[in-house]
Amino acid sequence: MQSENPFLADFVKLMNSAAGTFAGATREARDAARERFREAFGGLDFVSREEFDTVKAMAATAREEVEVLKEKLAALEAKIGG
């Protein structure tokens, strides 16, 4: 059987409260840091991942088209010069 020690019970309650307070302070600090980060970098011109991927695909397509045009140009120059 467990005995009721008021000192021990109060100490356990105090430790539980301290743990809850520490967890709350940690959440507040994390949220505040996120907000400061957003404020600091919010004015910069970053692109979204979707925009980046779209432009990357467009550049790859343009490179392929340039290669095809180079081959056609070389073939036409060979006809004219040969």
PDB file of N, CA and C in Angstrom:
ATOM      1  N   MET A   1       0.824  -1.179   0.000  1.00  0.00           N
ATOM      2  CA  MET A   1       0.000   0.000   0.000  1.00  0.00           C
ATOM      3  C   MET A   1       0.873   1.248   0.000  1.00  0.00           C
ATOM      4  N   GLN A   2       0.420   2.280  -0.659  1.00  0.00           N
ATOM      5  CA  GLN A   2       1.192   3.496  -0.804  1.00  0.00           C
ATOM      6  C   GLN A   2       0.763   4.500   0.251  1.00  0.00           C
ATOM      7  N   SER A   3       1.765   5.111   0.871  1.00  0.00           N
ATOM      8  CA  SER A   3       1.432   6.107   1.894  1.00  0.00           C
ATOM      9  C   SER A   3       1.339   7.472   1.247  1.00  0.00           C
ATOM     10  N   GLU A   4       0.526   8.342   1.806  1.00  0.00           N
ATOM     11  CA  GLU A   4       0.334   9.700   1.295  1.00  0.00           C
ATOM     12  C   GLU A   4       1.287  10.627   2.032  1.00  0.00           C
ATOM     13  N   ASN A   5       2.321  11.036   1.353  1.00  0.00           N
ATOM     14  CA  ASN A   5       3.259  11.990   1.930  1.00  0.00           C
ATOM     15  C   ASN A   5       2.959  13.339   1.293  1.00  0.00           C
ATOM     16  N   PRO A   6       2.461  14.327   2.060  1.00  0.00           N
ATOM     17  CA  PRO A   6       2.099  15.611   1.466  1.00  0.00           C
ATOM     18  C   PRO A   6       3.285  16.336   0.822  1.00  0.00           C
ATOM     19  N   PHE A   7       4.442  16.217   1.429  1.00  0.00           N
ATOM     20  CA  PHE A   7       5.613  16.869   0.854  1.00  0.00           C
ATOM     21  C   PHE A   7       5.937  16.282  -0.519  1.00  0.00           C
ATOM     22  N   LEU A   8       5.916  14.953  -0.605  1.00  0.00           N
ATOM     23  CA  LEU A   8       6.213  14.280  -1.870  1.00  0.00           C
ATOM     24  C   LEU A   8       5.143  14.589  -2.919  1.00  0.00           C
ATOM     25  N   ALA A   9       3.884  14.608  -2.522  1.00  0.00           N
ATOM     26  CA  ALA A   9       2.803  14.906  -3.457  1.00  0.00           C
ATOM     27  C   ALA A   9       2.929  16.330  -3.990  1.00  0.00           C
ATOM     28  N   ASP A  10       3.260  17.276  -3.110  1.00  0.00           N
ATOM     29  CA  ASP A  10       3.436  18.664  -3.552  1.00  0.00           C
ATOM     30  C   ASP A  10       4.637  18.797  -4.482  1.00  0.00           C
ATOM     31  N   PHE A  11       5.706  18.053  -4.176  1.00  0.00           N
ATOM     32  CA  PHE A  11       6.895  18.096  -5.020  1.00  0.00           C
ATOM     33  C   PHE A  11       6.593  17.559  -6.417  1.00  0.00           C
ATOM     34  N   VAL A  12       5.835  16.484  -6.502  1.00  0.00           N
ATOM     35  CA  VAL A  12       5.463  15.905  -7.794  1.00  0.00           C
ATOM     36  C   VAL A  12       4.585  16.886  -8.576  1.00  0.00           C
ATOM     37  N   LYS A  13       3.646  17.522  -7.908  1.00  0.00           N
ATOM     38  CA  LYS A  13       2.801  18.522  -8.575  1.00  0.00           C
ATOM     39  C   LYS A  13       3.634  19.681  -9.102  1.00  0.00           C
ATOM     40  N   LEU A  14       4.601  20.117  -8.288  1.00  0.00           N
ATOM     41  CA  LEU A  14       5.477  21.211  -8.701  1.00  0.00           C
ATOM     42  C   LEU A  14       6.290  20.819  -9.932  1.00  0.00           C
ATOM     43  N   MET A  15       6.821  19.616  -9.952  1.00  0.00           N
ATOM     44  CA  MET A  15       7.610  19.161 -11.098  1.00  0.00           C
ATOM     45  C   MET A  15       6.735  19.029 -12.350  1.00  0.00           C
ATOM     46  N   ASN A  16       5.527  18.545 -12.206  1.00  0.00           N
ATOM     47  CA  ASN A  16       4.614  18.461 -13.355  1.00  0.00           C
ATOM     48  C   ASN A  16       4.296  19.844 -13.908  1.00  0.00           C
ATOM     49  N   SER A  17       4.076  20.794 -13.021  1.00  0.00           N
ATOM     50  CA  SER A  17       3.801  22.168 -13.460  1.00  0.00           C
ATOM     51  C   SER A  17       5.013  22.768 -14.160  1.00  0.00           C
ATOM     52  N   ALA A  18       6.193  22.506 -13.610  1.00  0.00           N
ATOM     53  CA  ALA A  18       7.418  23.034 -14.220  1.00  0.00           C
ATOM     54  C   ALA A  18       7.616  22.448 -15.616  1.00  0.00           C
ATOM     55  N   ALA A  19       7.350  21.161 -15.772  1.00  0.00           N
ATOM     56  CA  ALA A  19       7.497  20.527 -17.089  1.00  0.00           C
ATOM     57  C   ALA A  19       6.515  21.134 -18.086  1.00  0.00           C
ATOM     58  N   GLY A  20       5.286  21.364 -17.657  1.00  0.00           N
ATOM     59  CA  GLY A  20       4.296  21.988 -18.539  1.00  0.00           C
ATOM     60  C   GLY A  20       4.681  23.402 -18.919  1.00  0.00           C
ATOM     61  N   THR A  21       5.199  24.144 -17.944  1.00  0.00           N
ATOM     62  CA  THR A  21       5.641  25.520 -18.214  1.00  0.00           C
ATOM     63  C   THR A  21       6.811  25.528 -19.189  1.00  0.00           C
ATOM     64  N   PHE A  22       7.760  24.610 -19.004  1.00  0.00           N
ATOM     65  CA  PHE A  22       8.910  24.523 -19.900  1.00  0.00           C
ATOM     66  C   PHE A  22       8.469  24.184 -21.318  1.00  0.00           C
ATOM     67  N   ALA A  23       7.529  23.263 -21.469  1.00  0.00           N
ATOM     68  CA  ALA A  23       7.030  22.890 -22.796  1.00  0.00           C
ATOM     69  C   ALA A  23       6.341  24.078 -23.454  1.00  0.00           C
ATOM     70  N   GLY A  24       5.569  24.829 -22.679  1.00  0.00           N
ATOM     71  CA  GLY A  24       4.900  26.009 -23.228  1.00  0.00           C
ATOM     72  C   GLY A  24       5.893  27.074 -23.655  1.00  0.00           C
ATOM     73  N   ALA A  25       6.926  27.290 -22.844  1.00  0.00           N
ATOM     74  CA  ALA A  25       7.952  28.275 -23.192  1.00  0.00           C
ATOM     75  C   ALA A  25       8.696  27.858 -24.452  1.00  0.00           C
ATOM     76  N   THR A  26       8.940  26.567 -24.594  1.00  0.00           N
ATOM     77  CA  THR A  26       9.618  26.064 -25.796  1.00  0.00           C
ATOM     78  C   THR A  26       8.773  26.326 -27.043  1.00  0.00           C
ATOM     79  N   ARG A  27       7.472  26.071 -26.942  1.00  0.00           N
ATOM     80  CA  ARG A  27       6.579  26.332 -28.082  1.00  0.00           C
ATOM     81  C   ARG A  27       6.554  27.815 -28.427  1.00  0.00           C
ATOM     82  N   GLU A  28       6.486  28.655 -27.410  1.00  0.00           N
ATOM     83  CA  GLU A  28       6.464  30.102 -27.664  1.00  0.00           C
ATOM     84  C   GLU A  28       7.755  30.570 -28.315  1.00  0.00           C
ATOM     85  N   ALA A  29       8.886  30.069 -27.853  1.00  0.00           N
ATOM     86  CA  ALA A  29      10.172  30.456 -28.434  1.00  0.00           C
ATOM     87  C   ALA A  29      10.263  30.008 -29.892  1.00  0.00           C
ATOM     88  N   ARG A  30       9.804  28.791 -30.169  1.00  0.00           N
ATOM     89  CA  ARG A  30       9.835  28.285 -31.546  1.00  0.00           C
ATOM     90  C   ARG A  30       8.956  29.130 -32.458  1.00  0.00           C
ATOM     91  N   ASP A  31       7.755  29.449 -32.000  1.00  0.00           N
ATOM     92  CA  ASP A  31       6.841  30.265 -32.801  1.00  0.00           C
ATOM     93  C   ASP A  31       7.388  31.674 -33.022  1.00  0.00           C
ATOM     94  N   ALA A  32       8.002  32.248 -31.994  1.00  0.00           N
ATOM     95  CA  ALA A  32       8.584  33.585 -32.126  1.00  0.00           C
ATOM     96  C   ALA A  32       9.745  33.571 -33.120  1.00  0.00           C
ATOM     97  N   ALA A  33      10.569  32.527 -33.068  1.00  0.00           N
ATOM     98  CA  ALA A  33      11.691  32.429 -34.007  1.00  0.00           C
ATOM     99  C   ALA A  33      11.188  32.285 -35.438  1.00  0.00           C
ATOM    100  N   ARG A  34      10.146  31.505 -35.639  1.00  0.00           N
ATOM    101  CA  ARG A  34       9.566  31.370 -36.986  1.00  0.00           C
ATOM    102  C   ARG A  34       9.048  32.703 -37.493  1.00  0.00           C
ATOM    103  N   GLU A  35       8.384  33.442 -36.628  1.00  0.00           N
ATOM    104  CA  GLU A  35       7.834  34.736 -37.034  1.00  0.00           C
ATOM    105  C   GLU A  35       8.956  35.715 -37.381  1.00  0.00           C
ATOM    106  N   ARG A  36      10.027  35.728 -36.588  1.00  0.00           N
ATOM    107  CA  ARG A  36      11.164  36.611 -36.903  1.00  0.00           C
ATOM    108  C   ARG A  36      11.804  36.216 -38.226  1.00  0.00           C
ATOM    109  N   PHE A  37      11.893  34.930 -38.485  1.00  0.00           N
ATOM    110  CA  PHE A  37      12.458  34.448 -39.748  1.00  0.00           C
ATOM    111  C   PHE A  37      11.599  34.912 -40.920  1.00  0.00           C
ATOM    112  N   ARG A  38      10.284  34.785 -40.775  1.00  0.00           N
ATOM    113  CA  ARG A  38       9.384  35.236 -41.842  1.00  0.00           C
ATOM    114  C   ARG A  38       9.522  36.734 -42.087  1.00  0.00           C
ATOM    115  N   GLU A  39       9.622  37.511 -41.013  1.00  0.00           N
ATOM    116  CA  GLU A  39       9.769  38.957 -41.163  1.00  0.00           C
ATOM    117  C   GLU A  39      11.084  39.309 -41.834  1.00  0.00           C
ATOM    118  N   ALA A  40      12.156  38.614 -41.458  1.00  0.00           N
ATOM    119  CA  ALA A  40      13.479  38.920 -42.002  1.00  0.00           C
ATOM    120  C   ALA A  40      13.583  38.567 -43.481  1.00  0.00           C
ATOM    121  N   PHE A  41      13.029  37.431 -43.852  1.00  0.00           N
ATOM    122  CA  PHE A  41      13.175  36.970 -45.227  1.00  0.00           C
ATOM    123  C   PHE A  41      11.924  37.179 -46.071  1.00  0.00           C
ATOM    124  N   GLY A  42      10.903  37.767 -45.515  1.00  0.00           N
ATOM    125  CA  GLY A  42       9.657  37.972 -46.245  1.00  0.00           C
ATOM    126  C   GLY A  42       9.783  38.957 -47.390  1.00  0.00           C
ATOM    127  N   GLY A  43      10.673  39.923 -47.266  1.00  0.00           N
ATOM    128  CA  GLY A  43      10.825  40.926 -48.305  1.00  0.00           C
ATOM    129  C   GLY A  43      11.695  40.489 -49.466  1.00  0.00           C
ATOM    130  N   LEU A  44      12.384  39.373 -49.315  1.00  0.00           N
ATOM    131  CA  LEU A  44      13.255  38.911 -50.391  1.00  0.00           C
ATOM    132  C   LEU A  44      12.430  38.227 -51.473  1.00  0.00           C
ATOM    133  N   ASP A  45      12.937  38.258 -52.667  1.00  0.00           N
ATOM    134  CA  ASP A  45      12.224  37.688 -53.812  1.00  0.00           C
ATOM    135  C   ASP A  45      12.628  36.234 -54.026  1.00  0.00           C
ATOM    136  N   PHE A  46      12.007  35.345 -53.304  1.00  0.00           N
ATOM    137  CA  PHE A  46      12.221  33.923 -53.504  1.00  0.00           C
ATOM    138  C   PHE A  46      11.126  33.399 -54.418  1.00  0.00           C
ATOM    139  N   VAL A  47      11.466  32.370 -55.190  1.00  0.00           N
ATOM    140  CA  VAL A  47      10.454  31.754 -56.050  1.00  0.00           C
ATOM    141  C   VAL A  47       9.986  30.464 -55.399  1.00  0.00           C
ATOM    142  N   SER A  48       8.778  30.075 -55.749  1.00  0.00           N
ATOM    143  CA  SER A  48       8.253  28.827 -55.212  1.00  0.00           C
ATOM    144  C   SER A  48       8.895  27.655 -55.952  1.00  0.00           C
ATOM    145  N   ARG A  49       8.781  26.494 -55.385  1.00  0.00           N
ATOM    146  CA  ARG A  49       9.344  25.296 -56.011  1.00  0.00           C
ATOM    147  C   ARG A  49       8.678  25.031 -57.354  1.00  0.00           C
ATOM    148  N   GLU A  50       7.372  25.272 -57.429  1.00  0.00           N
ATOM    149  CA  GLU A  50       6.647  25.040 -58.683  1.00  0.00           C
ATOM    150  C   GLU A  50       7.158  25.965 -59.783  1.00  0.00           C
ATOM    151  N   GLU A  51       7.393  27.241 -59.439  1.00  0.00           N
ATOM    152  CA  GLU A  51       7.910  28.188 -60.434  1.00  0.00           C
ATOM    153  C   GLU A  51       9.304  27.776 -60.896  1.00  0.00           C
ATOM    154  N   PHE A  52      10.128  27.354 -59.945  1.00  0.00           N
ATOM    155  CA  PHE A  52      11.484  26.929 -60.286  1.00  0.00           C
ATOM    156  C   PHE A  52      11.457  25.727 -61.231  1.00  0.00           C
ATOM    157  N   ASP A  53      10.634  24.730 -60.894  1.00  0.00           N
ATOM    158  CA  ASP A  53      10.550  23.539 -61.735  1.00  0.00           C
ATOM    159  C   ASP A  53      10.024  23.863 -63.126  1.00  0.00           C
ATOM    160  N   THR A  54       9.073  24.802 -63.220  1.00  0.00           N
ATOM    161  CA  THR A  54       8.527  25.203 -64.520  1.00  0.00           C
ATOM    162  C   THR A  54       9.607  25.848 -65.380  1.00  0.00           C
ATOM    163  N   VAL A  55      10.368  26.775 -64.804  1.00  0.00           N
ATOM    164  CA  VAL A  55      11.421  27.457 -65.563  1.00  0.00           C
ATOM    165  C   VAL A  55      12.531  26.479 -65.928  1.00  0.00           C
ATOM    166  N   LYS A  56      12.831  25.544 -65.036  1.00  0.00           N
ATOM    167  CA  LYS A  56      13.852  24.536 -65.325  1.00  0.00           C
ATOM    168  C   LYS A  56      13.435  23.679 -66.522  1.00  0.00           C
ATOM    169  N   ALA A  57      12.172  23.279 -66.564  1.00  0.00           N
ATOM    170  CA  ALA A  57      11.669  22.481 -67.684  1.00  0.00           C
ATOM    171  C   ALA A  57      11.697  23.296 -68.975  1.00  0.00           C
ATOM    172  N   MET A  58      11.341  24.575 -68.894  1.00  0.00           N
ATOM    173  CA  MET A  58      11.376  25.435 -70.079  1.00  0.00           C
ATOM    174  C   MET A  58      12.801  25.563 -70.603  1.00  0.00           C
ATOM    175  N   ALA A  59      13.772  25.695 -69.715  1.00  0.00           N
ATOM    176  CA  ALA A  59      15.175  25.813 -70.131  1.00  0.00           C
ATOM    177  C   ALA A  59      15.651  24.519 -70.792  1.00  0.00           C
ATOM    178  N   ALA A  60      15.252  23.382 -70.253  1.00  0.00           N
ATOM    179  CA  ALA A  60      15.649  22.104 -70.850  1.00  0.00           C
ATOM    180  C   ALA A  60      15.061  21.956 -72.250  1.00  0.00           C
ATOM    181  N   THR A  61      13.798  22.350 -72.413  1.00  0.00           N
ATOM    182  CA  THR A  61      13.154  22.297 -73.727  1.00  0.00           C
ATOM    183  C   THR A  61      13.863  23.224 -74.711  1.00  0.00           C
ATOM    184  N   ALA A  62      14.212  24.419 -74.255  1.00  0.00           N
ATOM    185  CA  ALA A  62      14.909  25.376 -75.119  1.00  0.00           C
ATOM    186  C   ALA A  62      16.267  24.826 -75.543  1.00  0.00           C
ATOM    187  N   ARG A  63      16.987  24.189 -74.623  1.00  0.00           N
ATOM    188  CA  ARG A  63      18.283  23.593 -74.963  1.00  0.00           C
ATOM    189  C   ARG A  63      18.135  22.518 -76.036  1.00  0.00           C
ATOM    190  N   GLU A  64      17.114  21.686 -75.897  1.00  0.00           N
ATOM    191  CA  GLU A  64      16.883  20.636 -76.892  1.00  0.00           C
ATOM    192  C   GLU A  64      16.565  21.240 -78.252  1.00  0.00           C
ATOM    193  N   GLU A  65      15.744  22.283 -78.275  1.00  0.00           N
ATOM    194  CA  GLU A  65      15.393  22.934 -79.536  1.00  0.00           C
ATOM    195  C   GLU A  65      16.618  23.572 -80.180  1.00  0.00           C
ATOM    196  N   VAL A  66      17.497  24.146 -79.369  1.00  0.00           N
ATOM    197  CA  VAL A  66      18.727  24.753 -79.906  1.00  0.00           C
ATOM    198  C   VAL A  66      19.597  23.682 -80.550  1.00  0.00           C
ATOM    199  N   GLU A  67      19.699  22.532 -79.920  1.00  0.00           N
ATOM    200  CA  GLU A  67      20.503  21.448 -80.496  1.00  0.00           C
ATOM    201  C   GLU A  67      19.939  20.996 -81.839  1.00  0.00           C
ATOM    202  N   VAL A  68      18.625  20.868 -81.926  1.00  0.00           N
ATOM    203  CA  VAL A  68      17.992  20.476 -83.184  1.00  0.00           C
ATOM    204  C   VAL A  68      18.267  21.529 -84.262  1.00  0.00           C
ATOM    205  N   LEU A  69      18.127  22.807 -83.893  1.00  0.00           N
ATOM    206  CA  LEU A  69      18.373  23.883 -84.865  1.00  0.00           C
ATOM    207  C   LEU A  69      19.834  23.922 -85.297  1.00  0.00           C
ATOM    208  N   LYS A  70      20.759  23.631 -84.386  1.00  0.00           N
ATOM    209  CA  LYS A  70      22.180  23.589 -84.753  1.00  0.00           C
ATOM    210  C   LYS A  70      22.426  22.495 -85.794  1.00  0.00           C
ATOM    211  N   GLU A  71      21.797  21.336 -85.588  1.00  0.00           N
ATOM    212  CA  GLU A  71      21.963  20.240 -86.543  1.00  0.00           C
ATOM    213  C   GLU A  71      21.386  20.605 -87.907  1.00  0.00           C
ATOM    214  N   LYS A  72      20.217  21.248 -87.913  1.00  0.00           N
ATOM    215  CA  LYS A  72      19.608  21.664 -89.182  1.00  0.00           C
ATOM    216  C   LYS A  72      20.479  22.700 -89.884  1.00  0.00           C
ATOM    217  N   LEU A  73      21.010  23.637 -89.115  1.00  0.00           N
ATOM    218  CA  LEU A  73      21.873  24.668 -89.693  1.00  0.00           C
ATOM    219  C   LEU A  73      23.138  24.047 -90.280  1.00  0.00           C
ATOM    220  N   ALA A  74      23.720  23.112 -89.564  1.00  0.00           N
ATOM    221  CA  ALA A  74      24.922  22.447 -90.073  1.00  0.00           C
ATOM    222  C   ALA A  74      24.607  21.698 -91.365  1.00  0.00           C
ATOM    223  N   ALA A  75      23.437  21.054 -91.436  1.00  0.00           N
ATOM    224  CA  ALA A  75      23.059  20.332 -92.646  1.00  0.00           C
ATOM    225  C   ALA A  75      22.858  21.303 -93.823  1.00  0.00           C
ATOM    226  N   LEU A  76      22.215  22.442 -93.566  1.00  0.00           N
ATOM    227  CA  LEU A  76      22.016  23.431 -94.631  1.00  0.00           C
ATOM    228  C   LEU A  76      23.334  24.035 -95.085  1.00  0.00           C
ATOM    229  N   GLU A  77      24.214  24.311 -94.146  1.00  0.00           N
ATOM    230  CA  GLU A  77      25.537  24.861 -94.522  1.00  0.00           C
ATOM    231  C   GLU A  77      26.334  23.832 -95.330  1.00  0.00           C
ATOM    232  N   ALA A  78      26.165  22.570 -94.998  1.00  0.00           N
ATOM    233  CA  ALA A  78      26.876  21.519 -95.749  1.00  0.00           C
ATOM    234  C   ALA A  78      26.346  21.447 -97.191  1.00  0.00           C
ATOM    235  N   LYS A  79      25.018  21.611 -97.351  1.00  0.00           N
ATOM    236  CA  LYS A  79      24.433  21.599 -98.696  1.00  0.00           C
ATOM    237  C   LYS A  79      24.928  22.776 -99.515  1.00  0.00           C
ATOM    238  N   ILE A  80      24.938  23.936 -98.906  1.00  0.00           N
ATOM    239  CA  ILE A  80      25.333  25.154 -99.638  1.00  0.00           C
ATOM    240  C   ILE A  80      26.823  25.120 -99.950  1.00  0.00           C
ATOM    241  N   GLY A  81      27.602  24.752 -98.971  1.00  0.00           N
ATOM    242  CA  GLY A  81      29.049  24.771 -99.137  1.00  0.00           C
ATOM    243  C   GLY A  81      29.583  23.573 -99.899  1.00  0.00           C
ATOM    244  N   GLY A  82      28.874  22.493 -99.973  1.00  0.00           N
ATOM    245  CA  GLY A  82      29.387  21.259-100.562  1.00  0.00           C
ATOM    246  C   GLY A  82      29.019  21.104-101.967  1.00  0.00           C
TER     247      GLY A  82
END
